[in-house]
Amino acid sequence: MSDPIKVGDKLPESVIGPFDAPSLERYAEVSGDANPLHLDDAVAAAIGLAAPPVHGMKLLAAFEPMLRAWRGDLVISSIAGKFVQPILRGETVRLSGRVLRATENEIFVRLV
């Protein structure tokens, strides 16, 4: 049995990426989100981005294995997020987090 989870516990850092065009195309196909913003350089440039942004749900999904690596005994029932900055094709992201609240039945982690 693992030690109890406490407020302030820090999750180990995880690195994902770089995100390349083929991985974004595969994600668009399997997710059904073929929004050209995520796939077309010209569309991304038209809104001032240097490259297409990675799908937000693709990024959010990366937190699940990070949480499992931290605590394999977790039962993850939901993950939610707020996207504050686009991650662009070609970029690498460092993920981390800290426990904000912990009760007997659930924890809330700020993921960054």
N, C-alpha and C. Protein backbone atom coordinates (compact mmCIF):
# COMPACT_ATOMS: atom_id res chain seq x y z
N MET A 1 0.84 -1.18 0.00
CA MET A 1 0.00 0.00 0.00
C MET A 1 0.88 1.24 0.00
N SER A 2 0.49 2.22 -0.76
CA SER A 2 1.26 3.46 -0.88
C SER A 2 1.00 4.38 0.31
N ASP A 3 1.94 5.30 0.52
CA ASP A 3 1.74 6.32 1.55
C ASP A 3 0.52 7.16 1.20
N PRO A 4 -0.13 7.72 2.21
CA PRO A 4 -1.28 8.59 1.93
C PRO A 4 -0.86 9.80 1.09
N ILE A 5 -1.76 10.23 0.23
CA ILE A 5 -1.51 11.42 -0.58
C ILE A 5 -1.81 12.64 0.27
N LYS A 6 -0.89 13.62 0.24
CA LYS A 6 -1.05 14.81 1.07
C LYS A 6 -1.05 16.07 0.21
N VAL A 7 -1.72 17.10 0.70
CA VAL A 7 -1.68 18.41 0.04
C VAL A 7 -0.22 18.83 -0.06
N GLY A 8 0.16 19.29 -1.22
CA GLY A 8 1.53 19.72 -1.45
C GLY A 8 2.40 18.67 -2.12
N ASP A 9 1.96 17.40 -2.12
CA ASP A 9 2.74 16.37 -2.80
C ASP A 9 2.95 16.80 -4.25
N LYS A 10 4.17 16.61 -4.74
CA LYS A 10 4.50 17.01 -6.10
C LYS A 10 4.62 15.77 -6.98
N LEU A 11 4.07 15.87 -8.17
CA LEU A 11 4.18 14.79 -9.14
C LEU A 11 5.51 14.91 -9.85
N PRO A 12 6.14 13.79 -10.19
CA PRO A 12 7.39 13.87 -10.93
C PRO A 12 7.15 14.45 -12.32
N GLU A 13 8.15 15.13 -12.82
CA GLU A 13 8.04 15.75 -14.14
C GLU A 13 8.03 14.68 -15.23
N SER A 14 7.27 14.95 -16.26
CA SER A 14 7.20 14.08 -17.43
C SER A 14 7.37 14.96 -18.66
N VAL A 15 8.08 14.47 -19.67
CA VAL A 15 8.31 15.23 -20.89
C VAL A 15 7.61 14.52 -22.04
N ILE A 16 6.83 15.28 -22.82
CA ILE A 16 6.18 14.72 -24.01
C ILE A 16 6.53 15.58 -25.21
N GLY A 17 6.57 14.94 -26.36
CA GLY A 17 6.90 15.64 -27.60
C GLY A 17 8.32 15.32 -28.00
N PRO A 18 8.82 15.97 -29.03
CA PRO A 18 8.13 16.99 -29.81
C PRO A 18 6.98 16.38 -30.63
N PHE A 19 5.97 17.18 -30.85
CA PHE A 19 4.80 16.76 -31.61
C PHE A 19 5.06 17.02 -33.09
N ASP A 20 5.02 15.96 -33.89
CA ASP A 20 5.27 16.13 -35.32
C ASP A 20 3.97 16.07 -36.11
N ALA A 21 4.04 16.47 -37.38
CA ALA A 21 2.85 16.50 -38.24
C ALA A 21 2.18 15.14 -38.35
N PRO A 22 2.93 14.03 -38.57
CA PRO A 22 2.24 12.73 -38.67
C PRO A 22 1.46 12.36 -37.41
N SER A 23 1.99 12.69 -36.22
CA SER A 23 1.25 12.34 -34.99
C SER A 23 -0.01 13.18 -34.86
N LEU A 24 0.04 14.44 -35.30
CA LEU A 24 -1.16 15.28 -35.26
C LEU A 24 -2.19 14.79 -36.27
N GLU A 25 -1.73 14.35 -37.44
CA GLU A 25 -2.64 13.81 -38.45
C GLU A 25 -3.31 12.53 -37.96
N ARG A 26 -2.53 11.64 -37.33
CA ARG A 26 -3.11 10.40 -36.78
C ARG A 26 -4.13 10.71 -35.70
N TYR A 27 -3.80 11.66 -34.82
CA TYR A 27 -4.74 12.02 -33.76
C TYR A 27 -6.02 12.59 -34.35
N ALA A 28 -5.90 13.44 -35.35
CA ALA A 28 -7.09 14.02 -36.00
C ALA A 28 -7.97 12.92 -36.57
N GLU A 29 -7.34 11.92 -37.16
CA GLU A 29 -8.10 10.83 -37.78
C GLU A 29 -8.84 10.00 -36.72
N VAL A 30 -8.15 9.59 -35.68
CA VAL A 30 -8.79 8.72 -34.69
C VAL A 30 -9.76 9.47 -33.78
N SER A 31 -9.53 10.75 -33.58
CA SER A 31 -10.41 11.52 -32.69
C SER A 31 -11.62 12.10 -33.43
N GLY A 32 -11.52 12.15 -34.75
CA GLY A 32 -12.59 12.78 -35.53
C GLY A 32 -12.50 14.30 -35.53
N ASP A 33 -11.41 14.85 -35.00
CA ASP A 33 -11.23 16.30 -34.97
C ASP A 33 -10.25 16.71 -36.05
N ALA A 34 -10.76 16.87 -37.26
CA ALA A 34 -9.91 17.24 -38.40
C ALA A 34 -9.93 18.75 -38.64
N ASN A 35 -10.13 19.52 -37.59
CA ASN A 35 -10.12 20.98 -37.71
C ASN A 35 -8.81 21.39 -38.39
N PRO A 36 -8.87 22.11 -39.51
CA PRO A 36 -7.64 22.47 -40.22
C PRO A 36 -6.69 23.33 -39.39
N LEU A 37 -7.18 23.96 -38.35
CA LEU A 37 -6.30 24.73 -37.49
C LEU A 37 -5.16 23.87 -36.96
N HIS A 38 -5.45 22.59 -36.67
CA HIS A 38 -4.45 21.69 -36.10
C HIS A 38 -3.55 21.04 -37.15
N LEU A 39 -3.88 21.22 -38.43
CA LEU A 39 -3.18 20.47 -39.47
C LEU A 39 -2.57 21.33 -40.57
N ASP A 40 -3.04 22.54 -40.73
CA ASP A 40 -2.68 23.36 -41.88
C ASP A 40 -1.89 24.60 -41.44
N ASP A 41 -0.67 24.70 -41.93
CA ASP A 41 0.19 25.84 -41.57
C ASP A 41 -0.46 27.18 -41.91
N ALA A 42 -1.11 27.26 -43.07
CA ALA A 42 -1.71 28.53 -43.50
C ALA A 42 -2.85 28.95 -42.58
N VAL A 43 -3.65 28.00 -42.14
CA VAL A 43 -4.75 28.32 -41.23
C VAL A 43 -4.19 28.80 -39.89
N ALA A 44 -3.16 28.12 -39.39
CA ALA A 44 -2.53 28.54 -38.13
C ALA A 44 -1.92 29.94 -38.28
N ALA A 45 -1.24 30.18 -39.40
CA ALA A 45 -0.62 31.48 -39.63
C ALA A 45 -1.66 32.59 -39.71
N ALA A 46 -2.84 32.27 -40.25
CA ALA A 46 -3.90 33.28 -40.40
C ALA A 46 -4.38 33.82 -39.05
N ILE A 47 -4.18 33.05 -37.98
CA ILE A 47 -4.56 33.55 -36.66
C ILE A 47 -3.33 33.91 -35.81
N GLY A 48 -2.18 34.01 -36.48
CA GLY A 48 -0.99 34.49 -35.80
C GLY A 48 -0.12 33.45 -35.13
N LEU A 49 -0.35 32.17 -35.43
CA LEU A 49 0.48 31.12 -34.83
C LEU A 49 1.61 30.73 -35.78
N ALA A 50 2.75 30.40 -35.23
CA ALA A 50 3.91 30.01 -36.03
C ALA A 50 3.77 28.61 -36.62
N ALA A 51 2.91 27.80 -36.04
CA ALA A 51 2.66 26.42 -36.51
C ALA A 51 1.30 26.00 -35.97
N PRO A 52 0.74 24.92 -36.50
CA PRO A 52 -0.54 24.44 -35.98
C PRO A 52 -0.43 24.03 -34.51
N PRO A 53 -1.45 24.33 -33.72
CA PRO A 53 -1.44 23.91 -32.31
C PRO A 53 -1.81 22.44 -32.18
N VAL A 54 -1.25 21.81 -31.17
CA VAL A 54 -1.58 20.43 -30.84
C VAL A 54 -3.01 20.42 -30.30
N HIS A 55 -3.76 19.37 -30.65
CA HIS A 55 -5.12 19.21 -30.12
C HIS A 55 -5.07 19.24 -28.58
N GLY A 56 -5.96 20.01 -27.98
CA GLY A 56 -5.99 20.11 -26.53
C GLY A 56 -6.24 18.77 -25.85
N MET A 57 -7.13 17.96 -26.41
CA MET A 57 -7.43 16.67 -25.79
C MET A 57 -6.24 15.72 -25.87
N LYS A 58 -5.41 15.85 -26.91
CA LYS A 58 -4.19 15.04 -27.01
C LYS A 58 -3.26 15.39 -25.85
N LEU A 59 -3.16 16.67 -25.55
CA LEU A 59 -2.32 17.11 -24.43
C LEU A 59 -2.89 16.65 -23.10
N LEU A 60 -4.18 16.84 -22.92
CA LEU A 60 -4.82 16.46 -21.66
C LEU A 60 -4.68 14.96 -21.40
N ALA A 61 -4.77 14.17 -22.46
CA ALA A 61 -4.64 12.71 -22.32
C ALA A 61 -3.25 12.31 -21.83
N ALA A 62 -2.24 13.15 -22.05
CA ALA A 62 -0.88 12.82 -21.63
C ALA A 62 -0.74 12.82 -20.11
N PHE A 63 -1.67 13.46 -19.41
CA PHE A 63 -1.57 13.49 -17.95
C PHE A 63 -1.92 12.15 -17.30
N GLU A 64 -2.76 11.36 -17.95
CA GLU A 64 -3.18 10.08 -17.36
C GLU A 64 -1.99 9.15 -17.10
N PRO A 65 -1.11 8.89 -18.09
CA PRO A 65 0.04 8.03 -17.78
C PRO A 65 0.99 8.65 -16.75
N MET A 66 1.07 9.98 -16.72
CA MET A 66 1.91 10.63 -15.72
C MET A 66 1.35 10.36 -14.32
N LEU A 67 0.03 10.46 -14.16
CA LEU A 67 -0.58 10.17 -12.86
C LEU A 67 -0.40 8.71 -12.48
N ARG A 68 -0.53 7.80 -13.43
CA ARG A 68 -0.36 6.36 -13.16
C ARG A 68 1.09 6.04 -12.78
N ALA A 69 2.04 6.71 -13.43
CA ALA A 69 3.45 6.48 -13.09
C ALA A 69 3.74 6.98 -11.68
N TRP A 70 3.08 8.05 -11.27
CA TRP A 70 3.27 8.61 -9.93
C TRP A 70 2.66 7.70 -8.88
N ARG A 71 1.42 7.28 -9.11
CA ARG A 71 0.70 6.45 -8.15
C ARG A 71 -0.11 5.41 -8.91
N GLY A 72 0.44 4.24 -9.06
CA GLY A 72 -0.23 3.17 -9.79
C GLY A 72 -1.51 2.70 -9.13
N ASP A 73 -1.71 3.05 -7.85
CA ASP A 73 -2.91 2.62 -7.14
C ASP A 73 -4.09 3.57 -7.33
N LEU A 74 -3.91 4.64 -8.08
CA LEU A 74 -5.01 5.60 -8.29
C LEU A 74 -6.11 5.00 -9.15
N VAL A 75 -7.33 5.34 -8.82
CA VAL A 75 -8.47 5.07 -9.69
C VAL A 75 -8.84 6.44 -10.26
N ILE A 76 -8.55 6.63 -11.53
CA ILE A 76 -8.78 7.92 -12.17
C ILE A 76 -10.18 7.90 -12.78
N SER A 77 -11.05 8.75 -12.24
CA SER A 77 -12.43 8.77 -12.75
C SER A 77 -12.66 9.94 -13.70
N SER A 78 -11.86 10.98 -13.59
CA SER A 78 -12.01 12.09 -14.54
C SER A 78 -10.75 12.94 -14.53
N ILE A 79 -10.51 13.56 -15.67
CA ILE A 79 -9.44 14.54 -15.82
C ILE A 79 -10.06 15.70 -16.57
N ALA A 80 -9.87 16.89 -16.06
CA ALA A 80 -10.39 18.09 -16.72
C ALA A 80 -9.26 19.11 -16.81
N GLY A 81 -9.38 20.00 -17.75
CA GLY A 81 -8.33 20.98 -17.89
C GLY A 81 -8.81 22.28 -18.48
N LYS A 82 -7.97 23.27 -18.35
CA LYS A 82 -8.20 24.59 -18.93
C LYS A 82 -6.95 24.90 -19.74
N PHE A 83 -7.14 25.23 -20.98
CA PHE A 83 -6.01 25.48 -21.86
C PHE A 83 -5.72 26.98 -21.87
N VAL A 84 -4.53 27.35 -21.44
CA VAL A 84 -4.19 28.77 -21.31
C VAL A 84 -3.17 29.25 -22.34
N GLN A 85 -2.54 28.31 -23.03
CA GLN A 85 -1.54 28.68 -24.03
C GLN A 85 -1.43 27.55 -25.03
N PRO A 86 -1.41 27.86 -26.33
CA PRO A 86 -1.29 26.77 -27.30
C PRO A 86 0.11 26.16 -27.29
N ILE A 87 0.15 24.85 -27.47
CA ILE A 87 1.40 24.13 -27.68
C ILE A 87 1.44 23.85 -29.17
N LEU A 88 2.51 24.24 -29.83
CA LEU A 88 2.57 24.16 -31.28
C LEU A 88 3.31 22.92 -31.77
N ARG A 89 2.96 22.51 -33.00
CA ARG A 89 3.67 21.39 -33.63
C ARG A 89 5.17 21.67 -33.54
N GLY A 90 5.92 20.64 -33.20
CA GLY A 90 7.37 20.75 -33.07
C GLY A 90 7.85 21.04 -31.65
N GLU A 91 6.94 21.44 -30.78
CA GLU A 91 7.35 21.78 -29.41
C GLU A 91 7.35 20.55 -28.50
N THR A 92 8.12 20.66 -27.44
CA THR A 92 8.18 19.66 -26.38
C THR A 92 7.59 20.30 -25.12
N VAL A 93 6.90 19.50 -24.32
CA VAL A 93 6.23 20.02 -23.13
C VAL A 93 6.70 19.26 -21.90
N ARG A 94 6.92 19.99 -20.82
CA ARG A 94 7.22 19.39 -19.52
C ARG A 94 5.95 19.46 -18.68
N LEU A 95 5.49 18.31 -18.22
CA LEU A 95 4.28 18.23 -17.40
C LEU A 95 4.67 18.00 -15.95
N SER A 96 3.94 18.60 -15.06
CA SER A 96 4.15 18.38 -13.63
C SER A 96 2.84 18.69 -12.92
N GLY A 97 2.85 18.58 -11.63
CA GLY A 97 1.65 18.89 -10.88
C GLY A 97 1.90 18.84 -9.39
N ARG A 98 0.91 19.35 -8.65
CA ARG A 98 0.98 19.37 -7.19
C ARG A 98 -0.43 19.15 -6.65
N VAL A 99 -0.52 18.37 -5.57
CA VAL A 99 -1.82 18.09 -4.95
C VAL A 99 -2.32 19.35 -4.24
N LEU A 100 -3.51 19.80 -4.64
CA LEU A 100 -4.13 20.97 -4.02
C LEU A 100 -5.07 20.60 -2.88
N ARG A 101 -5.75 19.47 -3.04
CA ARG A 101 -6.71 19.02 -2.03
C ARG A 101 -6.74 17.51 -2.04
N ALA A 102 -6.83 16.92 -0.87
CA ALA A 102 -6.90 15.46 -0.76
C ALA A 102 -7.91 15.09 0.31
N THR A 103 -8.84 14.22 -0.07
CA THR A 103 -9.80 13.68 0.89
C THR A 103 -9.65 12.16 0.86
N GLU A 104 -10.46 11.48 1.62
CA GLU A 104 -10.39 10.02 1.65
C GLU A 104 -10.70 9.42 0.28
N ASN A 105 -11.58 10.08 -0.48
CA ASN A 105 -12.06 9.49 -1.73
C ASN A 105 -11.56 10.15 -3.00
N GLU A 106 -11.00 11.34 -2.92
CA GLU A 106 -10.56 11.99 -4.15
C GLU A 106 -9.44 12.97 -3.88
N ILE A 107 -8.70 13.24 -4.94
CA ILE A 107 -7.66 14.26 -4.87
C ILE A 107 -7.87 15.24 -6.02
N PHE A 108 -7.43 16.45 -5.81
CA PHE A 108 -7.42 17.46 -6.85
C PHE A 108 -5.98 17.88 -7.05
N VAL A 109 -5.52 17.76 -8.27
CA VAL A 109 -4.13 18.05 -8.60
C VAL A 109 -4.10 19.17 -9.62
N ARG A 110 -3.28 20.16 -9.37
CA ARG A 110 -3.07 21.20 -10.38
C ARG A 110 -1.96 20.69 -11.29
N LEU A 111 -2.32 20.50 -12.54
CA LEU A 111 -1.38 20.00 -13.53
C LEU A 111 -0.87 21.16 -14.35
N VAL A 112 0.43 21.22 -14.54
CA VAL A 112 1.02 22.32 -15.31
C VAL A 112 2.00 21.79 -16.33
